[in-house]
Amino acid sequence: MTSSTRKSPLTAVTGLLSFVLVVGGASGLLHEWLGWIRFMGFVRFLVPDGYEVYGYVVMVVLGLAVGAAGDALTRRGRA
């Protein structure tokens, strides 16, 4: 099964950015709360010291917003 519709590069970029923000923020929260191993350790450089939990929550919310915006762009292009 192949799809005849092509995805725009903007859709691919927003999808990747959304994934990195949501997974990075969630893994940072798990590390802060439970002490688990960091899955995406580079995101700790994006959050200021002392505000880790707030920063990771903002990353998750921002990732969800970017994903919703990318989905809206995809649906708008189909119509």
N, C-alpha and C. Protein backbone atom coordinates (compact mmCIF):
# COMPACT_ATOMS: atom_id res chain seq x y z
N MET A 1 0.82 -1.17 0.00
CA MET A 1 0.00 0.00 0.00
C MET A 1 0.87 1.24 0.00
N THR A 2 0.77 1.98 -1.04
CA THR A 2 1.51 3.23 -1.11
C THR A 2 0.52 4.37 -1.18
N SER A 3 0.94 5.47 -0.65
CA SER A 3 0.09 6.65 -0.64
C SER A 3 0.47 7.54 -1.82
N SER A 4 -0.53 8.08 -2.49
CA SER A 4 -0.25 8.94 -3.63
C SER A 4 -0.02 10.39 -3.21
N THR A 5 -0.37 10.74 -1.98
CA THR A 5 -0.14 12.10 -1.51
C THR A 5 1.27 12.21 -0.95
N ARG A 6 1.91 13.31 -1.22
CA ARG A 6 3.27 13.54 -0.76
C ARG A 6 3.25 14.48 0.43
N LYS A 7 4.11 14.21 1.39
CA LYS A 7 4.22 15.08 2.56
C LYS A 7 5.17 16.22 2.23
N SER A 8 4.83 17.38 2.74
CA SER A 8 5.72 18.52 2.53
C SER A 8 6.90 18.42 3.50
N PRO A 9 8.01 19.03 3.17
CA PRO A 9 9.16 19.01 4.10
C PRO A 9 8.83 19.66 5.44
N LEU A 10 7.95 20.65 5.44
CA LEU A 10 7.57 21.31 6.68
C LEU A 10 6.85 20.34 7.62
N THR A 11 6.04 19.47 7.07
CA THR A 11 5.35 18.47 7.87
C THR A 11 6.34 17.51 8.51
N ALA A 12 7.34 17.11 7.75
CA ALA A 12 8.35 16.19 8.29
C ALA A 12 9.17 16.87 9.39
N VAL A 13 9.51 18.12 9.20
CA VAL A 13 10.31 18.84 10.21
C VAL A 13 9.50 19.05 11.49
N THR A 14 8.23 19.43 11.36
CA THR A 14 7.42 19.63 12.56
C THR A 14 7.18 18.31 13.28
N GLY A 15 7.03 17.23 12.54
CA GLY A 15 6.87 15.92 13.18
C GLY A 15 8.11 15.51 13.95
N LEU A 16 9.28 15.72 13.37
CA LEU A 16 10.54 15.38 14.04
C LEU A 16 10.75 16.27 15.27
N LEU A 17 10.52 17.56 15.12
CA LEU A 17 10.69 18.48 16.24
C LEU A 17 9.72 18.16 17.37
N SER A 18 8.49 17.84 17.02
CA SER A 18 7.50 17.45 18.02
C SER A 18 7.95 16.21 18.78
N PHE A 19 8.43 15.21 18.05
CA PHE A 19 8.89 13.97 18.68
C PHE A 19 10.04 14.23 19.64
N VAL A 20 11.02 15.01 19.20
CA VAL A 20 12.19 15.28 20.05
C VAL A 20 11.78 16.04 21.31
N LEU A 21 10.89 17.02 21.18
CA LEU A 21 10.48 17.79 22.34
C LEU A 21 9.67 16.96 23.33
N VAL A 22 8.72 16.18 22.84
CA VAL A 22 7.87 15.40 23.73
C VAL A 22 8.67 14.29 24.41
N VAL A 23 9.44 13.54 23.64
CA VAL A 23 10.20 12.43 24.23
C VAL A 23 11.32 12.95 25.13
N GLY A 24 11.99 14.01 24.71
CA GLY A 24 13.04 14.59 25.54
C GLY A 24 12.51 15.16 26.84
N GLY A 25 11.37 15.86 26.78
CA GLY A 25 10.77 16.40 27.99
C GLY A 25 10.27 15.31 28.91
N ALA A 26 9.64 14.28 28.34
CA ALA A 26 9.14 13.18 29.17
C ALA A 26 10.29 12.41 29.81
N SER A 27 11.36 12.17 29.07
CA SER A 27 12.49 11.44 29.67
C SER A 27 13.18 12.29 30.73
N GLY A 28 13.22 13.60 30.53
CA GLY A 28 13.77 14.48 31.56
C GLY A 28 12.94 14.48 32.83
N LEU A 29 11.62 14.47 32.67
CA LEU A 29 10.74 14.40 33.84
C LEU A 29 10.91 13.07 34.57
N LEU A 30 10.99 11.98 33.83
CA LEU A 30 11.21 10.69 34.47
C LEU A 30 12.54 10.65 35.21
N HIS A 31 13.56 11.27 34.64
CA HIS A 31 14.85 11.31 35.31
C HIS A 31 14.80 12.14 36.59
N GLU A 32 14.11 13.27 36.53
CA GLU A 32 14.02 14.14 37.72
C GLU A 32 13.19 13.50 38.82
N TRP A 33 12.08 12.86 38.47
CA TRP A 33 11.18 12.32 39.47
C TRP A 33 11.60 10.96 39.97
N LEU A 34 12.07 10.09 39.08
CA LEU A 34 12.34 8.71 39.46
C LEU A 34 13.81 8.33 39.42
N GLY A 35 14.65 9.17 38.85
CA GLY A 35 16.07 8.88 38.78
C GLY A 35 16.44 7.88 37.71
N TRP A 36 15.57 7.70 36.72
CA TRP A 36 15.87 6.76 35.65
C TRP A 36 16.95 7.32 34.73
N ILE A 37 17.48 6.48 33.90
CA ILE A 37 18.51 6.87 32.94
C ILE A 37 17.91 7.83 31.92
N ARG A 38 18.67 8.83 31.57
CA ARG A 38 18.21 9.77 30.55
C ARG A 38 18.23 9.11 29.18
N PHE A 39 17.12 9.21 28.47
CA PHE A 39 17.04 8.66 27.13
C PHE A 39 17.65 9.63 26.12
N MET A 40 17.33 10.90 26.25
CA MET A 40 17.85 11.93 25.35
C MET A 40 18.59 12.94 26.23
N GLY A 41 19.82 12.65 26.54
CA GLY A 41 20.56 13.44 27.51
C GLY A 41 20.90 14.85 27.07
N PHE A 42 20.89 15.10 25.76
CA PHE A 42 21.27 16.44 25.29
C PHE A 42 20.24 17.50 25.64
N VAL A 43 19.02 17.13 25.98
CA VAL A 43 18.01 18.14 26.29
C VAL A 43 18.27 18.81 27.63
N ARG A 44 19.13 18.23 28.46
CA ARG A 44 19.43 18.88 29.74
C ARG A 44 20.15 20.21 29.54
N PHE A 45 20.77 20.40 28.37
CA PHE A 45 21.45 21.66 28.08
C PHE A 45 20.46 22.75 27.66
N LEU A 46 19.22 22.38 27.38
CA LEU A 46 18.20 23.35 26.97
C LEU A 46 17.44 23.93 28.16
N VAL A 47 17.64 23.35 29.34
CA VAL A 47 16.87 23.74 30.53
C VAL A 47 17.81 24.40 31.54
N PRO A 48 17.42 25.57 32.09
CA PRO A 48 18.29 26.23 33.08
C PRO A 48 18.36 25.45 34.40
N ASP A 49 19.50 25.55 35.06
CA ASP A 49 19.68 24.87 36.34
C ASP A 49 18.71 25.41 37.38
N GLY A 50 18.13 24.51 38.13
CA GLY A 50 17.17 24.88 39.16
C GLY A 50 15.74 24.90 38.68
N TYR A 51 15.52 24.87 37.39
CA TYR A 51 14.17 24.90 36.82
C TYR A 51 13.94 23.72 35.90
N GLU A 52 14.49 22.58 36.25
CA GLU A 52 14.44 21.42 35.37
C GLU A 52 13.01 20.92 35.14
N VAL A 53 12.24 20.76 36.21
CA VAL A 53 10.89 20.22 36.06
C VAL A 53 10.03 21.16 35.22
N TYR A 54 10.09 22.46 35.50
CA TYR A 54 9.32 23.42 34.72
C TYR A 54 9.75 23.41 33.26
N GLY A 55 11.04 23.36 33.03
CA GLY A 55 11.55 23.34 31.66
C GLY A 55 11.11 22.12 30.89
N TYR A 56 11.12 20.95 31.54
CA TYR A 56 10.70 19.73 30.85
C TYR A 56 9.20 19.72 30.58
N VAL A 57 8.43 20.28 31.48
CA VAL A 57 6.98 20.39 31.24
C VAL A 57 6.73 21.32 30.06
N VAL A 58 7.45 22.43 30.01
CA VAL A 58 7.30 23.36 28.88
C VAL A 58 7.70 22.67 27.57
N MET A 59 8.74 21.84 27.62
CA MET A 59 9.15 21.12 26.41
C MET A 59 8.05 20.18 25.92
N VAL A 60 7.41 19.46 26.83
CA VAL A 60 6.34 18.54 26.44
C VAL A 60 5.17 19.32 25.84
N VAL A 61 4.77 20.40 26.49
CA VAL A 61 3.64 21.19 26.00
C VAL A 61 3.98 21.82 24.65
N LEU A 62 5.19 22.33 24.51
CA LEU A 62 5.60 22.92 23.24
C LEU A 62 5.66 21.87 22.14
N GLY A 63 6.12 20.69 22.47
CA GLY A 63 6.14 19.61 21.48
C GLY A 63 4.74 19.23 21.02
N LEU A 64 3.80 19.17 21.94
CA LEU A 64 2.41 18.88 21.57
C LEU A 64 1.83 19.99 20.70
N ALA A 65 2.17 21.24 21.00
CA ALA A 65 1.68 22.36 20.20
C ALA A 65 2.28 22.34 18.80
N VAL A 66 3.56 22.03 18.69
CA VAL A 66 4.20 21.95 17.37
C VAL A 66 3.60 20.80 16.56
N GLY A 67 3.33 19.68 17.22
CA GLY A 67 2.71 18.55 16.54
C GLY A 67 1.31 18.89 16.05
N ALA A 68 0.54 19.60 16.86
CA ALA A 68 -0.81 20.01 16.45
C ALA A 68 -0.76 20.99 15.29
N ALA A 69 0.21 21.90 15.32
CA ALA A 69 0.35 22.86 14.22
C ALA A 69 0.75 22.15 12.93
N GLY A 70 1.65 21.18 13.03
CA GLY A 70 2.03 20.42 11.85
C GLY A 70 0.88 19.62 11.29
N ASP A 71 0.06 19.05 12.17
CA ASP A 71 -1.12 18.31 11.72
C ASP A 71 -2.12 19.25 11.06
N ALA A 72 -2.28 20.45 11.60
CA ALA A 72 -3.20 21.42 10.99
C ALA A 72 -2.70 21.84 9.61
N LEU A 73 -1.40 21.99 9.45
CA LEU A 73 -0.85 22.33 8.14
C LEU A 73 -1.07 21.21 7.14
N THR A 74 -0.94 19.98 7.59
CA THR A 74 -1.17 18.83 6.72
C THR A 74 -2.63 18.76 6.28
N ARG A 75 -3.54 18.94 7.22
CA ARG A 75 -4.97 18.88 6.88
C ARG A 75 -5.36 20.04 5.99
N ARG A 76 -4.78 21.19 6.19
CA ARG A 76 -5.08 22.37 5.38
C ARG A 76 -4.61 22.17 3.95
N GLY A 77 -3.49 21.49 3.78
CA GLY A 77 -2.95 21.24 2.45
C GLY A 77 -3.78 20.25 1.67
N ARG A 78 -4.47 19.32 2.36
CA ARG A 78 -5.30 18.32 1.69
C ARG A 78 -6.62 18.90 1.17
N ALA A 79 -7.12 19.91 1.88
CA ALA A 79 -8.44 20.44 1.53
C ALA A 79 -8.41 21.32 0.31
